[in-house]
Amino acid sequence: GGVLWEYDIILGIFTKKQDFDGTNKGSL
């Protein structure tokens, strides 16, 4: 259903923070 992500510019680290699930958080 899509994701919300974070990128640390200094450390160069990409992290997936949230998974959209449909009913609870929405999707797309």
mmCIF file of all heavy atoms, coordinates in Angstrom:
data_MODEL
# 
_entry.id   MODEL 
# 
loop_
_atom_site.group_PDB 
_atom_site.id 
_atom_site.type_symbol 
_atom_site.label_atom_id 
_atom_site.label_alt_id 
_atom_site.label_comp_id 
_atom_site.label_asym_id 
_atom_site.label_entity_id 
_atom_site.label_seq_id 
_atom_site.pdbx_PDB_ins_code 
_atom_site.Cartn_x 
_atom_site.Cartn_y 
_atom_site.Cartn_z 
_atom_site.occupancy 
_atom_site.B_iso_or_equiv 
_atom_site.pdbx_formal_charge 
_atom_site.auth_seq_id 
_atom_site.auth_comp_id 
_atom_site.auth_asym_id 
_atom_site.auth_atom_id 
_atom_site.pdbx_PDB_model_num 
ATOM 1   N N   . GLY A 1 1  ? 0.800  -1.209 0.000  1.00 0.00 ? 1  GLY A N   1 
ATOM 2   C CA  . GLY A 1 1  ? 0.000  0.000  0.000  1.00 0.00 ? 1  GLY A CA  1 
ATOM 3   C C   . GLY A 1 1  ? 0.833  1.258  0.000  1.00 0.00 ? 1  GLY A C   1 
ATOM 4   O O   . GLY A 1 1  ? 0.302  2.362  0.141  1.00 0.00 ? 1  GLY A O   1 
ATOM 5   N N   . GLY A 1 2  ? 2.164  1.088  -0.149 1.00 0.00 ? 2  GLY A N   1 
ATOM 6   C CA  . GLY A 1 2  ? 3.050  2.235  -0.135 1.00 0.00 ? 2  GLY A CA  1 
ATOM 7   C C   . GLY A 1 2  ? 3.783  2.374  1.189  1.00 0.00 ? 2  GLY A C   1 
ATOM 8   O O   . GLY A 1 2  ? 3.454  1.696  2.177  1.00 0.00 ? 2  GLY A O   1 
ATOM 9   N N   . VAL A 1 3  ? 4.779  3.251  1.221  1.00 0.00 ? 3  VAL A N   1 
ATOM 10  C CA  . VAL A 1 3  ? 5.591  3.452  2.421  1.00 0.00 ? 3  VAL A CA  1 
ATOM 11  C C   . VAL A 1 3  ? 5.896  4.934  2.621  1.00 0.00 ? 3  VAL A C   1 
ATOM 12  O O   . VAL A 1 3  ? 5.789  5.744  1.700  1.00 0.00 ? 3  VAL A O   1 
ATOM 13  C CB  . VAL A 1 3  ? 6.931  2.678  2.348  1.00 0.00 ? 3  VAL A CB  1 
ATOM 14  C CG1 . VAL A 1 3  ? 6.692  1.199  2.071  1.00 0.00 ? 3  VAL A CG1 1 
ATOM 15  C CG2 . VAL A 1 3  ? 7.857  3.276  1.288  1.00 0.00 ? 3  VAL A CG2 1 
ATOM 16  N N   . LEU A 1 4  ? 6.264  5.260  3.839  1.00 0.00 ? 4  LEU A N   1 
ATOM 17  C CA  . LEU A 1 4  ? 6.839  6.560  4.170  1.00 0.00 ? 4  LEU A CA  1 
ATOM 18  C C   . LEU A 1 4  ? 8.285  6.300  4.560  1.00 0.00 ? 4  LEU A C   1 
ATOM 19  O O   . LEU A 1 4  ? 8.558  5.426  5.390  1.00 0.00 ? 4  LEU A O   1 
ATOM 20  C CB  . LEU A 1 4  ? 6.070  7.214  5.313  1.00 0.00 ? 4  LEU A CB  1 
ATOM 21  C CG  . LEU A 1 4  ? 6.458  8.662  5.678  1.00 0.00 ? 4  LEU A CG  1 
ATOM 22  C CD1 . LEU A 1 4  ? 5.243  9.410  6.228  1.00 0.00 ? 4  LEU A CD1 1 
ATOM 23  C CD2 . LEU A 1 4  ? 7.593  8.710  6.714  1.00 0.00 ? 4  LEU A CD2 1 
ATOM 24  N N   . TRP A 1 5  ? 9.221  7.057  3.962  1.00 0.00 ? 5  TRP A N   1 
ATOM 25  C CA  . TRP A 1 5  ? 10.630 6.782  4.183  1.00 0.00 ? 5  TRP A CA  1 
ATOM 26  C C   . TRP A 1 5  ? 11.382 7.999  4.723  1.00 0.00 ? 5  TRP A C   1 
ATOM 27  O O   . TRP A 1 5  ? 10.917 9.134  4.643  1.00 0.00 ? 5  TRP A O   1 
ATOM 28  C CB  . TRP A 1 5  ? 11.311 6.297  2.903  1.00 0.00 ? 5  TRP A CB  1 
ATOM 29  C CG  . TRP A 1 5  ? 11.109 7.177  1.690  1.00 0.00 ? 5  TRP A CG  1 
ATOM 30  C CD1 . TRP A 1 5  ? 10.185 7.019  0.703  1.00 0.00 ? 5  TRP A CD1 1 
ATOM 31  C CD2 . TRP A 1 5  ? 11.865 8.359  1.346  1.00 0.00 ? 5  TRP A CD2 1 
ATOM 32  N NE1 . TRP A 1 5  ? 10.303 8.022  -0.234 1.00 0.00 ? 5  TRP A NE1 1 
ATOM 33  C CE2 . TRP A 1 5  ? 11.318 8.856  0.136  1.00 0.00 ? 5  TRP A CE2 1 
ATOM 34  C CE3 . TRP A 1 5  ? 12.920 9.033  1.935  1.00 0.00 ? 5  TRP A CE3 1 
ATOM 35  C CZ2 . TRP A 1 5  ? 11.821 9.994  -0.490 1.00 0.00 ? 5  TRP A CZ2 1 
ATOM 36  C CZ3 . TRP A 1 5  ? 13.417 10.172 1.320  1.00 0.00 ? 5  TRP A CZ3 1 
ATOM 37  C CH2 . TRP A 1 5  ? 12.869 10.637 0.126  1.00 0.00 ? 5  TRP A CH2 1 
ATOM 38  N N   . GLU A 1 6  ? 12.557 7.723  5.264  1.00 0.00 ? 6  GLU A N   1 
ATOM 39  C CA  . GLU A 1 6  ? 13.440 8.751  5.824  1.00 0.00 ? 6  GLU A CA  1 
ATOM 40  C C   . GLU A 1 6  ? 14.840 8.561  5.242  1.00 0.00 ? 6  GLU A C   1 
ATOM 41  O O   . GLU A 1 6  ? 15.287 7.430  5.055  1.00 0.00 ? 6  GLU A O   1 
ATOM 42  C CB  . GLU A 1 6  ? 13.487 8.602  7.348  1.00 0.00 ? 6  GLU A CB  1 
ATOM 43  C CG  . GLU A 1 6  ? 14.538 9.463  8.043  1.00 0.00 ? 6  GLU A CG  1 
ATOM 44  C CD  . GLU A 1 6  ? 14.702 9.054  9.506  1.00 0.00 ? 6  GLU A CD  1 
ATOM 45  O OE1 . GLU A 1 6  ? 13.919 9.536  10.336 1.00 0.00 ? 6  GLU A OE1 1 
ATOM 46  O OE2 . GLU A 1 6  ? 15.613 8.244  9.793  1.00 0.00 ? 6  GLU A OE2 1 
ATOM 47  N N   . TYR A 1 7  ? 15.496 9.684  4.977  1.00 0.00 ? 7  TYR A N   1 
ATOM 48  C CA  . TYR A 1 7  ? 16.880 9.609  4.489  1.00 0.00 ? 7  TYR A CA  1 
ATOM 49  C C   . TYR A 1 7  ? 17.748 10.557 5.300  1.00 0.00 ? 7  TYR A C   1 
ATOM 50  O O   . TYR A 1 7  ? 17.486 11.762 5.368  1.00 0.00 ? 7  TYR A O   1 
ATOM 51  C CB  . TYR A 1 7  ? 16.968 9.963  3.001  1.00 0.00 ? 7  TYR A CB  1 
ATOM 52  C CG  . TYR A 1 7  ? 18.364 9.836  2.450  1.00 0.00 ? 7  TYR A CG  1 
ATOM 53  C CD1 . TYR A 1 7  ? 18.930 8.580  2.230  1.00 0.00 ? 7  TYR A CD1 1 
ATOM 54  C CD2 . TYR A 1 7  ? 19.133 10.962 2.170  1.00 0.00 ? 7  TYR A CD2 1 
ATOM 55  C CE1 . TYR A 1 7  ? 20.222 8.448  1.738  1.00 0.00 ? 7  TYR A CE1 1 
ATOM 56  C CE2 . TYR A 1 7  ? 20.416 10.846 1.677  1.00 0.00 ? 7  TYR A CE2 1 
ATOM 57  C CZ  . TYR A 1 7  ? 20.964 9.589  1.465  1.00 0.00 ? 7  TYR A CZ  1 
ATOM 58  O OH  . TYR A 1 7  ? 22.245 9.462  0.988  1.00 0.00 ? 7  TYR A OH  1 
ATOM 59  N N   . ASP A 1 8  ? 18.754 9.988  5.947  1.00 0.00 ? 8  ASP A N   1 
ATOM 60  C CA  . ASP A 1 8  ? 19.716 10.759 6.738  1.00 0.00 ? 8  ASP A CA  1 
ATOM 61  C C   . ASP A 1 8  ? 20.797 11.276 5.797  1.00 0.00 ? 8  ASP A C   1 
ATOM 62  O O   . ASP A 1 8  ? 21.607 10.500 5.277  1.00 0.00 ? 8  ASP A O   1 
ATOM 63  C CB  . ASP A 1 8  ? 20.308 9.890  7.841  1.00 0.00 ? 8  ASP A CB  1 
ATOM 64  C CG  . ASP A 1 8  ? 21.131 10.700 8.843  1.00 0.00 ? 8  ASP A CG  1 
ATOM 65  O OD1 . ASP A 1 8  ? 21.923 11.562 8.408  1.00 0.00 ? 8  ASP A OD1 1 
ATOM 66  O OD2 . ASP A 1 8  ? 20.991 10.474 10.055 1.00 0.00 ? 8  ASP A OD2 1 
ATOM 67  N N   . ILE A 1 9  ? 20.788 12.596 5.558  1.00 0.00 ? 9  ILE A N   1 
ATOM 68  C CA  . ILE A 1 9  ? 21.716 13.189 4.596  1.00 0.00 ? 9  ILE A CA  1 
ATOM 69  C C   . ILE A 1 9  ? 23.160 13.032 5.040  1.00 0.00 ? 9  ILE A C   1 
ATOM 70  O O   . ILE A 1 9  ? 24.059 12.751 4.226  1.00 0.00 ? 9  ILE A O   1 
ATOM 71  C CB  . ILE A 1 9  ? 21.384 14.687 4.400  1.00 0.00 ? 9  ILE A CB  1 
ATOM 72  C CG1 . ILE A 1 9  ? 19.940 14.873 3.929  1.00 0.00 ? 9  ILE A CG1 1 
ATOM 73  C CG2 . ILE A 1 9  ? 22.346 15.335 3.411  1.00 0.00 ? 9  ILE A CG2 1 
ATOM 74  C CD1 . ILE A 1 9  ? 19.496 16.314 3.865  1.00 0.00 ? 9  ILE A CD1 1 
ATOM 75  N N   . ILE A 1 10 ? 23.431 13.189 6.316  1.00 0.00 ? 10 ILE A N   1 
ATOM 76  C CA  . ILE A 1 10 ? 24.798 13.135 6.833  1.00 0.00 ? 10 ILE A CA  1 
ATOM 77  C C   . ILE A 1 10 ? 25.363 11.722 6.774  1.00 0.00 ? 10 ILE A C   1 
ATOM 78  O O   . ILE A 1 10 ? 26.493 11.490 6.325  1.00 0.00 ? 10 ILE A O   1 
ATOM 79  C CB  . ILE A 1 10 ? 24.846 13.680 8.271  1.00 0.00 ? 10 ILE A CB  1 
ATOM 80  C CG1 . ILE A 1 10 ? 24.433 15.152 8.286  1.00 0.00 ? 10 ILE A CG1 1 
ATOM 81  C CG2 . ILE A 1 10 ? 26.247 13.510 8.866  1.00 0.00 ? 10 ILE A CG2 1 
ATOM 82  C CD1 . ILE A 1 10 ? 24.376 15.757 9.667  1.00 0.00 ? 10 ILE A CD1 1 
ATOM 83  N N   . LEU A 1 11 ? 24.561 10.753 7.216  1.00 0.00 ? 11 LEU A N   1 
ATOM 84  C CA  . LEU A 1 11 ? 25.041 9.372  7.267  1.00 0.00 ? 11 LEU A CA  1 
ATOM 85  C C   . LEU A 1 11 ? 24.790 8.613  5.968  1.00 0.00 ? 11 LEU A C   1 
ATOM 86  O O   . LEU A 1 11 ? 25.342 7.523  5.769  1.00 0.00 ? 11 LEU A O   1 
ATOM 87  C CB  . LEU A 1 11 ? 24.364 8.638  8.420  1.00 0.00 ? 11 LEU A CB  1 
ATOM 88  C CG  . LEU A 1 11 ? 24.607 9.213  9.821  1.00 0.00 ? 11 LEU A CG  1 
ATOM 89  C CD1 . LEU A 1 11 ? 23.852 8.400  10.861 1.00 0.00 ? 11 LEU A CD1 1 
ATOM 90  C CD2 . LEU A 1 11 ? 26.104 9.236  10.141 1.00 0.00 ? 11 LEU A CD2 1 
ATOM 91  N N   . GLY A 1 12 ? 23.955 9.171  5.103  1.00 0.00 ? 12 GLY A N   1 
ATOM 92  C CA  . GLY A 1 12 ? 23.650 8.496  3.851  1.00 0.00 ? 12 GLY A CA  1 
ATOM 93  C C   . GLY A 1 12 ? 22.852 7.222  4.047  1.00 0.00 ? 12 GLY A C   1 
ATOM 94  O O   . GLY A 1 12 ? 23.039 6.249  3.320  1.00 0.00 ? 12 GLY A O   1 
ATOM 95  N N   . ILE A 1 13 ? 21.939 7.228  5.030  1.00 0.00 ? 13 ILE A N   1 
ATOM 96  C CA  . ILE A 1 13 ? 21.173 6.032  5.368  1.00 0.00 ? 13 ILE A CA  1 
ATOM 97  C C   . ILE A 1 13 ? 19.699 6.222  5.019  1.00 0.00 ? 13 ILE A C   1 
ATOM 98  O O   . ILE A 1 13 ? 19.072 7.193  5.439  1.00 0.00 ? 13 ILE A O   1 
ATOM 99  C CB  . ILE A 1 13 ? 21.304 5.688  6.867  1.00 0.00 ? 13 ILE A CB  1 
ATOM 100 C CG1 . ILE A 1 13 ? 22.768 5.388  7.207  1.00 0.00 ? 13 ILE A CG1 1 
ATOM 101 C CG2 . ILE A 1 13 ? 20.414 4.506  7.239  1.00 0.00 ? 13 ILE A CG2 1 
ATOM 102 C CD1 . ILE A 1 13 ? 23.002 5.131  8.679  1.00 0.00 ? 13 ILE A CD1 1 
ATOM 103 N N   . PHE A 1 14 ? 19.154 5.273  4.248  1.00 0.00 ? 14 PHE A N   1 
ATOM 104 C CA  . PHE A 1 14 ? 17.741 5.252  3.896  1.00 0.00 ? 14 PHE A CA  1 
ATOM 105 C C   . PHE A 1 14 ? 17.012 4.287  4.822  1.00 0.00 ? 14 PHE A C   1 
ATOM 106 O O   . PHE A 1 14 ? 17.463 3.157  5.040  1.00 0.00 ? 14 PHE A O   1 
ATOM 107 C CB  . PHE A 1 14 ? 17.570 4.810  2.445  1.00 0.00 ? 14 PHE A CB  1 
ATOM 108 C CG  . PHE A 1 14 ? 16.128 4.654  2.008  1.00 0.00 ? 14 PHE A CG  1 
ATOM 109 C CD1 . PHE A 1 14 ? 15.476 5.689  1.364  1.00 0.00 ? 14 PHE A CD1 1 
ATOM 110 C CD2 . PHE A 1 14 ? 15.442 3.467  2.239  1.00 0.00 ? 14 PHE A CD2 1 
ATOM 111 C CE1 . PHE A 1 14 ? 14.156 5.553  0.961  1.00 0.00 ? 14 PHE A CE1 1 
ATOM 112 C CE2 . PHE A 1 14 ? 14.121 3.318  1.833  1.00 0.00 ? 14 PHE A CE2 1 
ATOM 113 C CZ  . PHE A 1 14 ? 13.476 4.369  1.195  1.00 0.00 ? 14 PHE A CZ  1 
ATOM 114 N N   . THR A 1 15 ? 15.860 4.729  5.368  1.00 0.00 ? 15 THR A N   1 
ATOM 115 C CA  . THR A 1 15 ? 15.093 3.877  6.283  1.00 0.00 ? 15 THR A CA  1 
ATOM 116 C C   . THR A 1 15 ? 13.616 3.940  5.941  1.00 0.00 ? 15 THR A C   1 
ATOM 117 O O   . THR A 1 15 ? 13.051 5.026  5.825  1.00 0.00 ? 15 THR A O   1 
ATOM 118 C CB  . THR A 1 15 ? 15.273 4.326  7.750  1.00 0.00 ? 15 THR A CB  1 
ATOM 119 O OG1 . THR A 1 15 ? 16.660 4.409  8.061  1.00 0.00 ? 15 THR A OG1 1 
ATOM 120 C CG2 . THR A 1 15 ? 14.595 3.342  8.697  1.00 0.00 ? 15 THR A CG2 1 
ATOM 121 N N   . LYS A 1 16 ? 13.006 2.779  5.779  1.00 0.00 ? 16 LYS A N   1 
ATOM 122 C CA  . LYS A 1 16 ? 11.560 2.736  5.635  1.00 0.00 ? 16 LYS A CA  1 
ATOM 123 C C   . LYS A 1 16 ? 10.968 2.902  7.032  1.00 0.00 ? 16 LYS A C   1 
ATOM 124 O O   . LYS A 1 16 ? 11.251 2.121  7.938  1.00 0.00 ? 16 LYS A O   1 
ATOM 125 C CB  . LYS A 1 16 ? 11.107 1.411  5.035  1.00 0.00 ? 16 LYS A CB  1 
ATOM 126 C CG  . LYS A 1 16 ? 9.595  1.323  4.823  1.00 0.00 ? 16 LYS A CG  1 
ATOM 127 C CD  . LYS A 1 16 ? 9.171  -0.074 4.399  1.00 0.00 ? 16 LYS A CD  1 
ATOM 128 C CE  . LYS A 1 16 ? 9.371  -1.079 5.542  1.00 0.00 ? 16 LYS A CE  1 
ATOM 129 N NZ  . LYS A 1 16 ? 8.873  -2.417 5.202  1.00 0.00 ? 16 LYS A NZ  1 
ATOM 130 N N   . LYS A 1 17 ? 10.098 3.918  7.205  1.00 0.00 ? 17 LYS A N   1 
ATOM 131 C CA  . LYS A 1 17 ? 9.574  4.215  8.537  1.00 0.00 ? 17 LYS A CA  1 
ATOM 132 C C   . LYS A 1 17 ? 8.162  3.684  8.750  1.00 0.00 ? 17 LYS A C   1 
ATOM 133 O O   . LYS A 1 17 ? 7.814  3.269  9.856  1.00 0.00 ? 17 LYS A O   1 
ATOM 134 C CB  . LYS A 1 17 ? 9.573  5.733  8.775  1.00 0.00 ? 17 LYS A CB  1 
ATOM 135 C CG  . LYS A 1 17 ? 10.925 6.400  8.619  1.00 0.00 ? 17 LYS A CG  1 
ATOM 136 C CD  . LYS A 1 17 ? 11.933 5.879  9.617  1.00 0.00 ? 17 LYS A CD  1 
ATOM 137 C CE  . LYS A 1 17 ? 11.627 6.282  11.033 1.00 0.00 ? 17 LYS A CE  1 
ATOM 138 N NZ  . LYS A 1 17 ? 12.684 5.882  11.994 1.00 0.00 ? 17 LYS A NZ  1 
ATOM 139 N N   . GLN A 1 18 ? 7.315  3.720  7.718  1.00 0.00 ? 18 GLN A N   1 
ATOM 140 C CA  . GLN A 1 18 ? 5.929  3.309  7.882  1.00 0.00 ? 18 GLN A CA  1 
ATOM 141 C C   . GLN A 1 18 ? 5.463  2.531  6.653  1.00 0.00 ? 18 GLN A C   1 
ATOM 142 O O   . GLN A 1 18 ? 5.845  2.840  5.519  1.00 0.00 ? 18 GLN A O   1 
ATOM 143 C CB  . GLN A 1 18 ? 5.015  4.527  8.061  1.00 0.00 ? 18 GLN A CB  1 
ATOM 144 C CG  . GLN A 1 18 ? 5.210  5.280  9.364  1.00 0.00 ? 18 GLN A CG  1 
ATOM 145 C CD  . GLN A 1 18 ? 4.598  4.552  10.545 1.00 0.00 ? 18 GLN A CD  1 
ATOM 146 O OE1 . GLN A 1 18 ? 3.593  3.843  10.407 1.00 0.00 ? 18 GLN A OE1 1 
ATOM 147 N NE2 . GLN A 1 18 ? 5.197  4.713  11.718 1.00 0.00 ? 18 GLN A NE2 1 
ATOM 148 N N   . ASP A 1 19 ? 4.619  1.506  6.901  1.00 0.00 ? 19 ASP A N   1 
ATOM 149 C CA  . ASP A 1 19 ? 3.964  0.761  5.828  1.00 0.00 ? 19 ASP A CA  1 
ATOM 150 C C   . ASP A 1 19 ? 2.485  1.121  5.829  1.00 0.00 ? 19 ASP A C   1 
ATOM 151 O O   . ASP A 1 19 ? 1.794  0.915  6.827  1.00 0.00 ? 19 ASP A O   1 
ATOM 152 C CB  . ASP A 1 19 ? 4.115  -0.750 6.054  1.00 0.00 ? 19 ASP A CB  1 
ATOM 153 C CG  . ASP A 1 19 ? 5.549  -1.219 5.919  1.00 0.00 ? 19 ASP A CG  1 
ATOM 154 O OD1 . ASP A 1 19 ? 5.993  -1.407 4.771  1.00 0.00 ? 19 ASP A OD1 1 
ATOM 155 O OD2 . ASP A 1 19 ? 6.213  -1.400 6.960  1.00 0.00 ? 19 ASP A OD2 1 
ATOM 156 N N   . PHE A 1 20 ? 1.993  1.676  4.744  1.00 0.00 ? 20 PHE A N   1 
ATOM 157 C CA  . PHE A 1 20 ? 0.570  1.974  4.638  1.00 0.00 ? 20 PHE A CA  1 
ATOM 158 C C   . PHE A 1 20 ? -0.190 0.667  4.442  1.00 0.00 ? 20 PHE A C   1 
ATOM 159 O O   . PHE A 1 20 ? 0.179  -0.154 3.593  1.00 0.00 ? 20 PHE A O   1 
ATOM 160 C CB  . PHE A 1 20 ? 0.318  2.953  3.498  1.00 0.00 ? 20 PHE A CB  1 
ATOM 161 C CG  . PHE A 1 20 ? 0.878  4.324  3.766  1.00 0.00 ? 20 PHE A CG  1 
ATOM 162 C CD1 . PHE A 1 20 ? 2.132  4.697  3.273  1.00 0.00 ? 20 PHE A CD1 1 
ATOM 163 C CD2 . PHE A 1 20 ? 0.172  5.230  4.539  1.00 0.00 ? 20 PHE A CD2 1 
ATOM 164 C CE1 . PHE A 1 20 ? 2.654  5.957  3.535  1.00 0.00 ? 20 PHE A CE1 1 
ATOM 165 C CE2 . PHE A 1 20 ? 0.680  6.492  4.810  1.00 0.00 ? 20 PHE A CE2 1 
ATOM 166 C CZ  . PHE A 1 20 ? 1.929  6.854  4.310  1.00 0.00 ? 20 PHE A CZ  1 
ATOM 167 N N   . ASP A 1 21 ? -1.255 0.498  5.243  1.00 0.00 ? 21 ASP A N   1 
ATOM 168 C CA  . ASP A 1 21 ? -1.911 -0.811 5.320  1.00 0.00 ? 21 ASP A CA  1 
ATOM 169 C C   . ASP A 1 21 ? -3.353 -0.831 4.855  1.00 0.00 ? 21 ASP A C   1 
ATOM 170 O O   . ASP A 1 21 ? -4.030 -1.854 4.955  1.00 0.00 ? 21 ASP A O   1 
ATOM 171 C CB  . ASP A 1 21 ? -1.858 -1.328 6.753  1.00 0.00 ? 21 ASP A CB  1 
ATOM 172 C CG  . ASP A 1 21 ? -2.583 -0.421 7.737  1.00 0.00 ? 21 ASP A CG  1 
ATOM 173 O OD1 . ASP A 1 21 ? -3.134 0.608  7.306  1.00 0.00 ? 21 ASP A OD1 1 
ATOM 174 O OD2 . ASP A 1 21 ? -2.600 -0.743 8.933  1.00 0.00 ? 21 ASP A OD2 1 
ATOM 175 N N   . GLY A 1 22 ? -3.877 0.287  4.379  1.00 0.00 ? 22 GLY A N   1 
ATOM 176 C CA  . GLY A 1 22 ? -5.262 0.304  3.935  1.00 0.00 ? 22 GLY A CA  1 
ATOM 177 C C   . GLY A 1 22 ? -6.167 0.969  4.947  1.00 0.00 ? 22 GLY A C   1 
ATOM 178 O O   . GLY A 1 22 ? -6.273 2.185  5.021  1.00 0.00 ? 22 GLY A O   1 
ATOM 179 N N   . THR A 1 23 ? -6.811 0.184  5.795  1.00 0.00 ? 23 THR A N   1 
ATOM 180 C CA  . THR A 1 23 ? -7.828 0.705  6.710  1.00 0.00 ? 23 THR A CA  1 
ATOM 181 C C   . THR A 1 23 ? -7.248 1.613  7.777  1.00 0.00 ? 23 THR A C   1 
ATOM 182 O O   . THR A 1 23 ? -7.775 2.705  8.034  1.00 0.00 ? 23 THR A O   1 
ATOM 183 C CB  . THR A 1 23 ? -8.580 -0.449 7.389  1.00 0.00 ? 23 THR A CB  1 
ATOM 184 O OG1 . THR A 1 23 ? -9.182 -1.271 6.390  1.00 0.00 ? 23 THR A OG1 1 
ATOM 185 C CG2 . THR A 1 23 ? -9.662 0.085  8.317  1.00 0.00 ? 23 THR A CG2 1 
ATOM 186 N N   . ASN A 1 24 ? -6.188 1.225  8.439  1.00 0.00 ? 24 ASN A N   1 
ATOM 187 C CA  . ASN A 1 24 ? -5.666 1.972  9.583  1.00 0.00 ? 24 ASN A CA  1 
ATOM 188 C C   . ASN A 1 24 ? -4.883 3.213  9.189  1.00 0.00 ? 24 ASN A C   1 
ATOM 189 O O   . ASN A 1 24 ? -5.024 4.272  9.822  1.00 0.00 ? 24 ASN A O   1 
ATOM 190 C CB  . ASN A 1 24 ? -4.787 1.065  10.446 1.00 0.00 ? 24 ASN A CB  1 
ATOM 191 C CG  . ASN A 1 24 ? -5.566 -0.056 11.069 1.00 0.00 ? 24 ASN A CG  1 
ATOM 192 O OD1 . ASN A 1 24 ? -6.667 0.133  11.564 1.00 0.00 ? 24 ASN A OD1 1 
ATOM 193 N ND2 . ASN A 1 24 ? -5.003 -1.264 11.029 1.00 0.00 ? 24 ASN A ND2 1 
ATOM 194 N N   . LYS A 1 25 ? -4.064 3.113  8.175  1.00 0.00 ? 25 LYS A N   1 
ATOM 195 C CA  . LYS A 1 25 ? -3.173 4.213  7.801  1.00 0.00 ? 25 LYS A CA  1 
ATOM 196 C C   . LYS A 1 25 ? -3.434 4.753  6.399  1.00 0.00 ? 25 LYS A C   1 
ATOM 197 O O   . LYS A 1 25 ? -2.817 5.743  6.015  1.00 0.00 ? 25 LYS A O   1 
ATOM 198 C CB  . LYS A 1 25 ? -1.719 3.767  7.900  1.00 0.00 ? 25 LYS A CB  1 
ATOM 199 C CG  . LYS A 1 25 ? -1.299 3.307  9.289  1.00 0.00 ? 25 LYS A CG  1 
ATOM 200 C CD  . LYS A 1 25 ? 0.130  2.816  9.306  1.00 0.00 ? 25 LYS A CD  1 
ATOM 201 C CE  . LYS A 1 25 ? 0.542  2.329  10.691 1.00 0.00 ? 25 LYS A CE  1 
ATOM 202 N NZ  . LYS A 1 25 ? 1.925  1.817  10.718 1.00 0.00 ? 25 LYS A NZ  1 
ATOM 203 N N   . GLY A 1 26 ? -4.339 4.131  5.667  1.00 0.00 ? 26 GLY A N   1 
ATOM 204 C CA  . GLY A 1 26 ? -4.549 4.509  4.287  1.00 0.00 ? 26 GLY A CA  1 
ATOM 205 C C   . GLY A 1 26 ? -3.638 3.732  3.355  1.00 0.00 ? 26 GLY A C   1 
ATOM 206 O O   . GLY A 1 26 ? -2.771 2.967  3.796  1.00 0.00 ? 26 GLY A O   1 
ATOM 207 N N   . SER A 1 27 ? -3.816 3.930  2.071  1.00 0.00 ? 27 SER A N   1 
ATOM 208 C CA  . SER A 1 27 ? -2.959 3.284  1.070  1.00 0.00 ? 27 SER A CA  1 
ATOM 209 C C   . SER A 1 27 ? -2.845 4.183  -0.150 1.00 0.00 ? 27 SER A C   1 
ATOM 210 O O   . SER A 1 27 ? -3.661 5.079  -0.358 1.00 0.00 ? 27 SER A O   1 
ATOM 211 C CB  . SER A 1 27 ? -3.513 1.915  0.666  1.00 0.00 ? 27 SER A CB  1 
ATOM 212 O OG  . SER A 1 27 ? -4.788 2.035  0.074  1.00 0.00 ? 27 SER A OG  1 
ATOM 213 N N   . LEU A 1 28 ? -1.824 3.930  -0.949 1.00 0.00 ? 28 LEU A N   1 
ATOM 214 C CA  . LEU A 1 28 ? -1.504 4.717  -2.133 1.00 0.00 ? 28 LEU A CA  1 
ATOM 215 C C   . LEU A 1 28 ? -1.289 6.188  -1.762 1.00 0.00 ? 28 LEU A C   1 
ATOM 216 O O   . LEU A 1 28 ? -2.061 7.071  -2.154 1.00 0.00 ? 28 LEU A O   1 
ATOM 217 C CB  . LEU A 1 28 ? -2.591 4.587  -3.199 1.00 0.00 ? 28 LEU A CB  1 
ATOM 218 C CG  . LEU A 1 28 ? -2.276 5.199  -4.568 1.00 0.00 ? 28 LEU A CG  1 
ATOM 219 C CD1 . LEU A 1 28 ? -1.048 4.562  -5.193 1.00 0.00 ? 28 LEU A CD1 1 
ATOM 220 C CD2 . LEU A 1 28 ? -3.459 5.056  -5.501 1.00 0.00 ? 28 LEU A CD2 1 
# 
